[in-house]
Every structure is written in C-alpha cells, then in structure tokens.
C-alpha cells in the first residue's frame, strides 16, 4: 500500500515538526461529533478522532498532538500517525486545516 512508499515516509517525517492551523468560520460540539463550517460556509461533521485532533490544533506541533492523542486513545503511535495523516488530507481538502512547516 502507499504507506510504505518513500514519498509517504518523507511526508510523515516532515509532519512531525509542522504546526496545524484551522480555517474555521464556526464550530459546535455535539457529543462525539464536531460540526464545522469552513470559510466557504460548507458544513462538515467530524468523528471523535478528527474532532479531538482539530481541537488540539493551532500552536502545537503535530508530534505533540500525536503524543497527547496517544494517551487519550491508548493506541500505537505509528497507527495513530497514519490515521491522522488521512484526517489531515481530508481536512485540507475540505479547507478546514492547513499545515505550517
């Protein structure tokens, strides 16, 4: 799968020191779900992991967020990092998040 590719590993390493920032117009927590409105006024519903990740953004390094989420979810760091990379890609596509390298 693509997770073993050289480019994936480069991106994974680059993310460690990057800082995620949100581009949110409005957000509302509804239990485990976070309802987010981006600057284009599109509305998205984020699951619990994406919600927790997004709420920890703005000012923290990606690696710090991973460490904190590992404690919350008691999951292997590499597995969580891979899942978060998918979440980041999705949030960037939805124009909810950008990464500062």
PDB file of N, CA and C in Angstrom:
ATOM      1  N   UNK A   1       0.838  -1.182   0.000  1.00  0.00           N
ATOM      2  CA  UNK A   1       0.000   0.000   0.000  1.00  0.00           C
ATOM      3  C   UNK A   1       0.883   1.245   0.000  1.00  0.00           C
ATOM      4  N   UNK A   2       0.290   2.411  -0.232  1.00  0.00           N
ATOM      5  CA  UNK A   2       1.048   3.647  -0.363  1.00  0.00           C
ATOM      6  C   UNK A   2       1.783   4.028   0.920  1.00  0.00           C
ATOM      7  N   UNK A   3       1.401   3.509   2.055  1.00  0.00           N
ATOM      8  CA  UNK A   3       2.041   3.871   3.320  1.00  0.00           C
ATOM      9  C   UNK A   3       3.491   3.404   3.384  1.00  0.00           C
ATOM     10  N   UNK A   4       3.865   2.491   2.532  1.00  0.00           N
ATOM     11  CA  UNK A   4       5.244   2.012   2.506  1.00  0.00           C
ATOM     12  C   UNK A   4       6.089   2.755   1.477  1.00  0.00           C
ATOM     13  N   UNK A   5       5.493   3.639   0.730  1.00  0.00           N
ATOM     14  CA  UNK A   5       6.235   4.330  -0.315  1.00  0.00           C
ATOM     15  C   UNK A   5       7.194   5.355   0.303  1.00  0.00           C
ATOM     16  N   UNK A   6       8.215   5.659  -0.446  1.00  0.00           N
ATOM     17  CA  UNK A   6       9.222   6.607   0.022  1.00  0.00           C
ATOM     18  C   UNK A   6       8.626   7.999   0.237  1.00  0.00           C
ATOM     19  N   UNK A   7       7.746   8.423  -0.658  1.00  0.00           N
ATOM     20  CA  UNK A   7       7.153   9.757  -0.529  1.00  0.00           C
ATOM     21  C   UNK A   7       6.273   9.850   0.719  1.00  0.00           C
ATOM     22  N   UNK A   8       5.572   8.779   1.037  1.00  0.00           N
ATOM     23  CA  UNK A   8       4.745   8.766   2.245  1.00  0.00           C
ATOM     24  C   UNK A   8       5.615   8.932   3.485  1.00  0.00           C
ATOM     25  N   UNK A   9       6.738   8.239   3.526  1.00  0.00           N
ATOM     26  CA  UNK A   9       7.637   8.325   4.673  1.00  0.00           C
ATOM     27  C   UNK A   9       8.250   9.716   4.803  1.00  0.00           C
ATOM     28  N   UNK A  10       8.527  10.371   3.682  1.00  0.00           N
ATOM     29  CA  UNK A  10       9.054  11.734   3.702  1.00  0.00           C
ATOM     30  C   UNK A  10       8.006  12.686   4.284  1.00  0.00           C
ATOM     31  N   UNK A  11       6.776  12.548   3.828  1.00  0.00           N
ATOM     32  CA  UNK A  11       5.695  13.401   4.328  1.00  0.00           C
ATOM     33  C   UNK A  11       5.475  13.157   5.816  1.00  0.00           C
ATOM     34  N   UNK A  12       5.494  11.909   6.220  1.00  0.00           N
ATOM     35  CA  UNK A  12       5.308  11.552   7.630  1.00  0.00           C
ATOM     36  C   UNK A  12       6.379  12.212   8.494  1.00  0.00           C
ATOM     37  N   UNK A  13       7.623  12.188   8.048  1.00  0.00           N
ATOM     38  CA  UNK A  13       8.708  12.803   8.796  1.00  0.00           C
ATOM     39  C   UNK A  13       8.566  14.328   8.813  1.00  0.00           C
ATOM     40  N   UNK A  14       8.178  14.909   7.693  1.00  0.00           N
ATOM     41  CA  UNK A  14       8.018  16.353   7.594  1.00  0.00           C
ATOM     42  C   UNK A  14       6.915  16.851   8.532  1.00  0.00           C
ATOM     43  N   UNK A  15       5.856  16.067   8.707  1.00  0.00           N
ATOM     44  CA  UNK A  15       4.741  16.474   9.557  1.00  0.00           C
ATOM     45  C   UNK A  15       5.132  16.608  11.023  1.00  0.00           C
ATOM     46  N   UNK A  16       6.123  15.870  11.472  1.00  0.00           N
ATOM     47  CA  UNK A  16       6.472  15.835  12.889  1.00  0.00           C
ATOM     48  C   UNK A  16       6.708  17.224  13.472  1.00  0.00           C
ATOM     49  N   UNK A  17       7.345  18.115  12.739  1.00  0.00           N
ATOM     50  CA  UNK A  17       7.637  19.456  13.244  1.00  0.00           C
ATOM     51  C   UNK A  17       6.707  20.527  12.699  1.00  0.00           C
ATOM     52  N   UNK A  18       5.726  20.128  11.910  1.00  0.00           N
ATOM     53  CA  UNK A  18       4.795  21.111  11.368  1.00  0.00           C
ATOM     54  C   UNK A  18       3.717  21.443  12.407  1.00  0.00           C
ATOM     55  N   UNK A  19       3.074  22.576  12.192  1.00  0.00           N
ATOM     56  CA  UNK A  19       2.031  23.037  13.113  1.00  0.00           C
ATOM     57  C   UNK A  19       0.724  23.173  12.334  1.00  0.00           C
ATOM     58  N   UNK A  20      -0.303  22.395  12.713  1.00  0.00           N
ATOM     59  CA  UNK A  20      -1.590  22.510  12.032  1.00  0.00           C
ATOM     60  C   UNK A  20      -2.377  23.725  12.527  1.00  0.00           C
ATOM     61  N   UNK A  21      -3.010  24.431  11.598  1.00  0.00           N
ATOM     62  CA  UNK A  21      -3.844  25.593  11.909  1.00  0.00           C
ATOM     63  C   UNK A  21      -5.209  25.399  11.259  1.00  0.00           C
ATOM     64  N   UNK A  22      -6.228  25.795  11.972  1.00  0.00           N
ATOM     65  CA  UNK A  22      -7.578  25.657  11.432  1.00  0.00           C
ATOM     66  C   UNK A  22      -7.991  26.899  10.664  1.00  0.00           C
ATOM     67  N   UNK A  23      -8.902  26.684   9.722  1.00  0.00           N
ATOM     68  CA  UNK A  23      -9.524  27.770   8.966  1.00  0.00           C
ATOM     69  C   UNK A  23     -11.035  27.583   9.105  1.00  0.00           C
ATOM     70  N   UNK A  24     -11.523  27.844  10.304  1.00  0.00           N
ATOM     71  CA  UNK A  24     -12.912  27.548  10.631  1.00  0.00           C
ATOM     72  C   UNK A  24     -13.695  28.840  10.824  1.00  0.00           C
ATOM     73  N   UNK A  25     -14.863  28.879  10.232  1.00  0.00           N
ATOM     74  CA  UNK A  25     -15.759  30.000  10.432  1.00  0.00           C
ATOM     75  C   UNK A  25     -16.533  29.807  11.737  1.00  0.00           C
ATOM     76  N   UNK A  26     -16.979  28.571  11.965  1.00  0.00           N
ATOM     77  CA  UNK A  26     -17.788  28.285  13.145  1.00  0.00           C
ATOM     78  C   UNK A  26     -17.676  26.794  13.453  1.00  0.00           C
ATOM     79  N   UNK A  27     -17.746  26.434  14.753  1.00  0.00           N
ATOM     80  CA  UNK A  27     -17.792  25.022  15.120  1.00  0.00           C
ATOM     81  C   UNK A  27     -18.691  24.833  16.321  1.00  0.00           C
ATOM     82  N   UNK A  28     -19.246  23.613  16.402  1.00  0.00           N
ATOM     83  CA  UNK A  28     -20.131  23.276  17.516  1.00  0.00           C
ATOM     84  C   UNK A  28     -19.948  21.804  17.851  1.00  0.00           C
ATOM     85  N   UNK A  29     -19.759  21.522  19.133  1.00  0.00           N
ATOM     86  CA  UNK A  29     -19.626  20.137  19.577  1.00  0.00           C
ATOM     87  C   UNK A  29     -21.003  19.565  19.875  1.00  0.00           C
ATOM     88  N   UNK A  30     -21.252  18.376  19.366  1.00  0.00           N
ATOM     89  CA  UNK A  30     -22.478  17.640  19.626  1.00  0.00           C
ATOM     90  C   UNK A  30     -22.079  16.241  20.077  1.00  0.00           C
ATOM     91  N   UNK A  31     -21.758  16.070  21.348  1.00  0.00           N
ATOM     92  CA  UNK A  31     -21.291  14.781  21.845  1.00  0.00           C
ATOM     93  C   UNK A  31     -19.941  14.448  21.249  1.00  0.00           C
ATOM     94  N   UNK A  32     -19.862  13.301  20.594  1.00  0.00           N
ATOM     95  CA  UNK A  32     -18.611  12.853  19.995  1.00  0.00           C
ATOM     96  C   UNK A  32     -18.371  13.456  18.615  1.00  0.00           C
ATOM     97  N   UNK A  33     -19.331  14.207  18.102  1.00  0.00           N
ATOM     98  CA  UNK A  33     -19.244  14.760  16.756  1.00  0.00           C
ATOM     99  C   UNK A  33     -18.965  16.265  16.843  1.00  0.00           C
ATOM    100  N   UNK A  34     -18.145  16.751  15.932  1.00  0.00           N
ATOM    101  CA  UNK A  34     -17.878  18.181  15.828  1.00  0.00           C
ATOM    102  C   UNK A  34     -18.435  18.656  14.502  1.00  0.00           C
ATOM    103  N   UNK A  35     -19.280  19.660  14.551  1.00  0.00           N
ATOM    104  CA  UNK A  35     -19.842  20.245  13.342  1.00  0.00           C
ATOM    105  C   UNK A  35     -19.015  21.479  13.023  1.00  0.00           C
ATOM    106  N   UNK A  36     -18.444  21.500  11.816  1.00  0.00           N
ATOM    107  CA  UNK A  36     -17.519  22.550  11.423  1.00  0.00           C
ATOM    108  C   UNK A  36     -18.018  23.232  10.153  1.00  0.00           C
ATOM    109  N   UNK A  37     -17.930  24.545  10.149  1.00  0.00           N
ATOM    110  CA  UNK A  37     -18.262  25.316   8.958  1.00  0.00           C
ATOM    111  C   UNK A  37     -16.970  25.998   8.505  1.00  0.00           C
ATOM    112  N   UNK A  38     -16.554  25.713   7.263  1.00  0.00           N
ATOM    113  CA  UNK A  38     -15.320  26.330   6.765  1.00  0.00           C
ATOM    114  C   UNK A  38     -15.618  27.732   6.227  1.00  0.00           C
ATOM    115  N   UNK A  39     -14.594  28.381   5.729  1.00  0.00           N
ATOM    116  CA  UNK A  39     -14.754  29.764   5.253  1.00  0.00           C
ATOM    117  C   UNK A  39     -15.656  29.877   4.027  1.00  0.00           C
ATOM    118  N   UNK A  40     -15.878  28.756   3.328  1.00  0.00           N
ATOM    119  CA  UNK A  40     -16.794  28.746   2.180  1.00  0.00           C
ATOM    120  C   UNK A  40     -18.224  28.477   2.612  1.00  0.00           C
ATOM    121  N   UNK A  41     -18.462  28.410   3.907  1.00  0.00           N
ATOM    122  CA  UNK A  41     -19.751  28.089   4.548  1.00  0.00           C
ATOM    123  C   UNK A  41     -20.244  26.676   4.223  1.00  0.00           C
ATOM    124  N   UNK A  42     -19.326  25.782   3.898  1.00  0.00           N
ATOM    125  CA  UNK A  42     -19.669  24.371   3.775  1.00  0.00           C
ATOM    126  C   UNK A  42     -19.682  23.777   5.181  1.00  0.00           C
ATOM    127  N   UNK A  43     -20.618  22.878   5.454  1.00  0.00           N
ATOM    128  CA  UNK A  43     -20.748  22.262   6.770  1.00  0.00           C
ATOM    129  C   UNK A  43     -20.274  20.817   6.712  1.00  0.00           C
ATOM    130  N   UNK A  44     -19.471  20.420   7.715  1.00  0.00           N
ATOM    131  CA  UNK A  44     -18.933  19.062   7.786  1.00  0.00           C
ATOM    132  C   UNK A  44     -19.116  18.512   9.192  1.00  0.00           C
ATOM    133  N   UNK A  45     -19.299  17.201   9.280  1.00  0.00           N
ATOM    134  CA  UNK A  45     -19.443  16.518  10.552  1.00  0.00           C
ATOM    135  C   UNK A  45     -18.205  15.647  10.742  1.00  0.00           C
ATOM    136  N   UNK A  46     -17.459  15.881  11.816  1.00  0.00           N
ATOM    137  CA  UNK A  46     -16.218  15.157  12.067  1.00  0.00           C
ATOM    138  C   UNK A  46     -16.415  14.138  13.173  1.00  0.00           C
ATOM    139  N   UNK A  47     -15.796  12.968  12.994  1.00  0.00           N
ATOM    140  CA  UNK A  47     -15.889  11.934  14.021  1.00  0.00           C
ATOM    141  C   UNK A  47     -15.055  12.316  15.239  1.00  0.00           C
ATOM    142  N   UNK A  48     -15.043  11.471  16.244  1.00  0.00           N
ATOM    143  CA  UNK A  48     -14.406  11.786  17.519  1.00  0.00           C
ATOM    144  C   UNK A  48     -12.902  12.043  17.396  1.00  0.00           C
ATOM    145  N   UNK A  49     -12.204  11.224  16.627  1.00  0.00           N
ATOM    146  CA  UNK A  49     -10.755  11.392  16.497  1.00  0.00           C
ATOM    147  C   UNK A  49     -10.438  12.685  15.746  1.00  0.00           C
ATOM    148  N   UNK A  50     -11.137  12.926  14.650  1.00  0.00           N
ATOM    149  CA  UNK A  50     -10.927  14.169  13.893  1.00  0.00           C
ATOM    150  C   UNK A  50     -11.277  15.374  14.750  1.00  0.00           C
ATOM    151  N   UNK A  51     -12.335  15.252  15.535  1.00  0.00           N
ATOM    152  CA  UNK A  51     -12.733  16.340  16.438  1.00  0.00           C
ATOM    153  C   UNK A  51     -11.632  16.633  17.440  1.00  0.00           C
ATOM    154  N   UNK A  52     -11.138  15.598  18.114  1.00  0.00           N
ATOM    155  CA  UNK A  52     -10.095  15.790  19.125  1.00  0.00           C
ATOM    156  C   UNK A  52      -8.826  16.362  18.505  1.00  0.00           C
ATOM    157  N   UNK A  53      -8.466  15.887  17.316  1.00  0.00           N
ATOM    158  CA  UNK A  53      -7.294  16.418  16.622  1.00  0.00           C
ATOM    159  C   UNK A  53      -7.472  17.905  16.327  1.00  0.00           C
ATOM    160  N   UNK A  54      -8.608  18.266  15.743  1.00  0.00           N
ATOM    161  CA  UNK A  54      -8.849  19.649  15.345  1.00  0.00           C
ATOM    162  C   UNK A  54      -8.845  20.588  16.548  1.00  0.00           C
ATOM    163  N   UNK A  55      -9.410  20.136  17.666  1.00  0.00           N
ATOM    164  CA  UNK A  55      -9.457  20.983  18.854  1.00  0.00           C
ATOM    165  C   UNK A  55      -8.082  21.188  19.486  1.00  0.00           C
ATOM    166  N   UNK A  56      -7.122  20.325  19.166  1.00  0.00           N
ATOM    167  CA  UNK A  56      -5.766  20.460  19.701  1.00  0.00           C
ATOM    168  C   UNK A  56      -4.839  21.265  18.781  1.00  0.00           C
ATOM    169  N   UNK A  57      -5.326  21.662  17.635  1.00  0.00           N
ATOM    170  CA  UNK A  57      -4.500  22.397  16.672  1.00  0.00           C
ATOM    171  C   UNK A  57      -4.278  23.838  17.105  1.00  0.00           C
ATOM    172  N   UNK A  58      -3.556  24.569  16.271  1.00  0.00           N
ATOM    173  CA  UNK A  58      -3.248  25.992  16.468  1.00  0.00           C
ATOM    174  C   UNK A  58      -2.241  26.209  17.592  1.00  0.00           C
ATOM    175  N   UNK A  59      -0.997  26.098  17.220  1.00  0.00           N
ATOM    176  CA  UNK A  59       0.078  26.417  18.146  1.00  0.00           C
ATOM    177  C   UNK A  59       0.891  25.226  18.611  1.00  0.00           C
ATOM    178  N   UNK A  60       0.349  24.041  18.491  1.00  0.00           N
ATOM    179  CA  UNK A  60       1.077  22.841  18.897  1.00  0.00           C
ATOM    180  C   UNK A  60       1.661  22.154  17.675  1.00  0.00           C
ATOM    181  N   UNK A  61       2.835  21.564  17.857  1.00  0.00           N
ATOM    182  CA  UNK A  61       3.410  20.767  16.779  1.00  0.00           C
ATOM    183  C   UNK A  61       2.600  19.482  16.618  1.00  0.00           C
ATOM    184  N   UNK A  62       2.617  18.974  15.393  1.00  0.00           N
ATOM    185  CA  UNK A  62       1.920  17.729  15.085  1.00  0.00           C
ATOM    186  C   UNK A  62       2.377  16.611  16.031  1.00  0.00           C
ATOM    187  N   UNK A  63       3.673  16.523  16.282  1.00  0.00           N
ATOM    188  CA  UNK A  63       4.197  15.467  17.152  1.00  0.00           C
ATOM    189  C   UNK A  63       3.649  15.583  18.570  1.00  0.00           C
ATOM    190  N   UNK A  64       3.427  16.798  19.062  1.00  0.00           N
ATOM    191  CA  UNK A  64       2.844  16.997  20.390  1.00  0.00           C
ATOM    192  C   UNK A  64       1.391  16.552  20.427  1.00  0.00           C
ATOM    193  N   UNK A  65       0.676  16.836  19.364  1.00  0.00           N
ATOM    194  CA  UNK A  65      -0.724  16.426  19.271  1.00  0.00           C
ATOM    195  C   UNK A  65      -0.816  14.906  19.246  1.00  0.00           C
ATOM    196  N   UNK A  66       0.068  14.265  18.480  1.00  0.00           N
ATOM    197  CA  UNK A  66       0.084  12.798  18.410  1.00  0.00           C
ATOM    198  C   UNK A  66       0.319  12.214  19.795  1.00  0.00           C
ATOM    199  N   UNK A  67       1.293  12.751  20.525  1.00  0.00           N
ATOM    200  CA  UNK A  67       1.580  12.246  21.872  1.00  0.00           C
ATOM    201  C   UNK A  67       0.368  12.364  22.785  1.00  0.00           C
ATOM    202  N   UNK A  68      -0.314  13.503  22.734  1.00  0.00           N
ATOM    203  CA  UNK A  68      -1.485  13.696  23.587  1.00  0.00           C
ATOM    204  C   UNK A  68      -2.629  12.759  23.200  1.00  0.00           C
ATOM    205  N   UNK A  69      -2.845  12.594  21.900  1.00  0.00           N
ATOM    206  CA  UNK A  69      -3.927  11.701  21.458  1.00  0.00           C
ATOM    207  C   UNK A  69      -3.599  10.236  21.749  1.00  0.00           C
ATOM    208  N   UNK A  70      -2.320   9.875  21.743  1.00  0.00           N
ATOM    209  CA  UNK A  70      -1.931   8.503  22.098  1.00  0.00           C
ATOM    210  C   UNK A  70      -2.328   8.188  23.535  1.00  0.00           C
ATOM    211  N   UNK A  71      -2.201   9.158  24.411  1.00  0.00           N
ATOM    212  CA  UNK A  71      -2.607   8.962  25.805  1.00  0.00           C
ATOM    213  C   UNK A  71      -4.122   8.835  25.932  1.00  0.00           C
ATOM    214  N   UNK A  72      -4.844   9.634  25.166  1.00  0.00           N
ATOM    215  CA  UNK A  72      -6.304   9.603  25.225  1.00  0.00           C
ATOM    216  C   UNK A  72      -6.848   8.278  24.694  1.00  0.00           C
ATOM    217  N   UNK A  73      -6.331   7.831  23.555  1.00  0.00           N
ATOM    218  CA  UNK A  73      -6.883   6.660  22.879  1.00  0.00           C
ATOM    219  C   UNK A  73      -6.120   5.370  23.147  1.00  0.00           C
ATOM    220  N   UNK A  74      -4.985   5.421  23.843  1.00  0.00           N
ATOM    221  CA  UNK A  74      -4.191   4.237  24.150  1.00  0.00           C
ATOM    222  C   UNK A  74      -3.984   3.382  22.890  1.00  0.00           C
ATOM    223  N   UNK A  75      -3.351   3.997  21.891  1.00  0.00           N
ATOM    224  CA  UNK A  75      -3.135   3.357  20.598  1.00  0.00           C
ATOM    225  C   UNK A  75      -1.668   3.493  20.227  1.00  0.00           C
ATOM    226  N   UNK A  76      -1.195   2.607  19.362  1.00  0.00           N
ATOM    227  CA  UNK A  76       0.176   2.661  18.879  1.00  0.00           C
ATOM    228  C   UNK A  76       0.408   3.980  18.138  1.00  0.00           C
ATOM    229  N   UNK A  77       1.544   4.607  18.399  1.00  0.00           N
ATOM    230  CA  UNK A  77       1.860   5.921  17.830  1.00  0.00           C
ATOM    231  C   UNK A  77       1.895   5.904  16.303  1.00  0.00           C
ATOM    232  N   UNK A  78       2.465   4.863  15.699  1.00  0.00           N
ATOM    233  CA  UNK A  78       2.530   4.791  14.238  1.00  0.00           C
ATOM    234  C   UNK A  78       1.146   4.635  13.620  1.00  0.00           C
ATOM    235  N   UNK A  79       0.299   3.846  14.252  1.00  0.00           N
ATOM    236  CA  UNK A  79      -1.067   3.661  13.742  1.00  0.00           C
ATOM    237  C   UNK A  79      -1.835   4.971  13.818  1.00  0.00           C
ATOM    238  N   UNK A  80      -1.720   5.660  14.955  1.00  0.00           N
ATOM    239  CA  UNK A  80      -2.405   6.944  15.103  1.00  0.00           C
ATOM    240  C   UNK A  80      -1.873   7.972  14.116  1.00  0.00           C
ATOM    241  N   UNK A  81      -0.567   8.023  13.931  1.00  0.00           N
ATOM    242  CA  UNK A  81       0.029   8.968  12.977  1.00  0.00           C
ATOM    243  C   UNK A  81      -0.501   8.722  11.582  1.00  0.00           C
ATOM    244  N   UNK A  82      -0.578   7.453  11.182  1.00  0.00           N
ATOM    245  CA  UNK A  82      -1.120   7.123   9.859  1.00  0.00           C
ATOM    246  C   UNK A  82      -2.570   7.580   9.727  1.00  0.00           C
ATOM    247  N   UNK A  83      -3.373   7.335  10.776  1.00  0.00           N
ATOM    248  CA  UNK A  83      -4.774   7.756  10.741  1.00  0.00           C
ATOM    249  C   UNK A  83      -4.885   9.275  10.672  1.00  0.00           C
ATOM    250  N   UNK A  84      -4.042   9.965  11.440  1.00  0.00           N
ATOM    251  CA  UNK A  84      -4.084  11.429  11.426  1.00  0.00           C
ATOM    252  C   UNK A  84      -3.653  11.996  10.085  1.00  0.00           C
ATOM    253  N   UNK A  85      -2.732  11.343   9.412  1.00  0.00           N
ATOM    254  CA  UNK A  85      -2.330  11.801   8.083  1.00  0.00           C
ATOM    255  C   UNK A  85      -3.516  11.752   7.124  1.00  0.00           C
ATOM    256  N   UNK A  86      -4.337  10.714   7.246  1.00  0.00           N
ATOM    257  CA  UNK A  86      -5.556  10.632   6.429  1.00  0.00           C
ATOM    258  C   UNK A  86      -6.527  11.754   6.798  1.00  0.00           C
ATOM    259  N   UNK A  87      -6.663  12.008   8.103  1.00  0.00           N
ATOM    260  CA  UNK A  87      -7.552  13.072   8.566  1.00  0.00           C
ATOM    261  C   UNK A  87      -7.067  14.425   8.071  1.00  0.00           C
ATOM    262  N   UNK A  88      -5.764  14.674   8.161  1.00  0.00           N
ATOM    263  CA  UNK A  88      -5.198  15.940   7.693  1.00  0.00           C
ATOM    264  C   UNK A  88      -5.478  16.140   6.214  1.00  0.00           C
ATOM    265  N   UNK A  89      -5.251  15.102   5.432  1.00  0.00           N
ATOM    266  CA  UNK A  89      -5.508  15.207   3.986  1.00  0.00           C
ATOM    267  C   UNK A  89      -6.973  15.564   3.732  1.00  0.00           C
ATOM    268  N   UNK A  90      -7.878  14.925   4.457  1.00  0.00           N
ATOM    269  CA  UNK A  90      -9.302  15.188   4.292  1.00  0.00           C
ATOM    270  C   UNK A  90      -9.658  16.611   4.729  1.00  0.00           C
ATOM    271  N   UNK A  91      -9.116  17.059   5.859  1.00  0.00           N
ATOM    272  CA  UNK A  91      -9.412  18.405   6.354  1.00  0.00           C
ATOM    273  C   UNK A  91      -8.816  19.481   5.454  1.00  0.00           C
ATOM    274  N   UNK A  92      -7.655  19.200   4.870  1.00  0.00           N
ATOM    275  CA  UNK A  92      -7.074  20.151   3.924  1.00  0.00           C
ATOM    276  C   UNK A  92      -7.942  20.239   2.666  1.00  0.00           C
ATOM    277  N   UNK A  93      -8.421  19.111   2.195  1.00  0.00           N
ATOM    278  CA  UNK A  93      -9.280  19.085   1.010  1.00  0.00           C
ATOM    279  C   UNK A  93     -10.565  19.886   1.259  1.00  0.00           C
ATOM    280  N   UNK A  94     -11.078  19.785   2.493  1.00  0.00           N
ATOM    281  CA  UNK A  94     -12.313  20.499   2.855  1.00  0.00           C
ATOM    282  C   UNK A  94     -12.044  21.955   3.242  1.00  0.00           C
ATOM    283  N   UNK A  95     -10.785  22.361   3.184  1.00  0.00           N
ATOM    284  CA  UNK A  95     -10.370  23.724   3.509  1.00  0.00           C
ATOM    285  C   UNK A  95     -10.713  24.109   4.948  1.00  0.00           C
ATOM    286  N   UNK A  96     -10.450  23.166   5.829  1.00  0.00           N
ATOM    287  CA  UNK A  96     -10.671  23.376   7.256  1.00  0.00           C
ATOM    288  C   UNK A  96      -9.330  23.539   7.970  1.00  0.00           C
ATOM    289  N   UNK A  97      -8.258  23.051   7.355  1.00  0.00           N
ATOM    290  CA  UNK A  97      -6.967  22.989   8.016  1.00  0.00           C
ATOM    291  C   UNK A  97      -5.850  23.264   7.023  1.00  0.00           C
ATOM    292  N   UNK A  98      -4.802  23.890   7.514  1.00  0.00           N
ATOM    293  CA  UNK A  98      -3.555  23.976   6.726  1.00  0.00           C
ATOM    294  C   UNK A  98      -2.397  23.701   7.662  1.00  0.00           C
ATOM    295  N   UNK A  99      -1.297  23.218   7.077  1.00  0.00           N
ATOM    296  CA  UNK A  99      -0.119  22.838   7.850  1.00  0.00           C
ATOM    297  C   UNK A  99       0.978  23.872   7.620  1.00  0.00           C
ATOM    298  N   UNK A 100       1.540  24.364   8.698  1.00  0.00           N
ATOM    299  CA  UNK A 100       2.677  25.278   8.634  1.00  0.00           C
ATOM    300  C   UNK A 100       3.944  24.483   8.882  1.00  0.00           C
ATOM    301  N   UNK A 101       4.823  24.454   7.905  1.00  0.00           N
ATOM    302  CA  UNK A 101       6.044  23.666   8.026  1.00  0.00           C
ATOM    303  C   UNK A 101       7.172  24.528   8.525  1.00  0.00           C
TER     304      UNK A 101
END
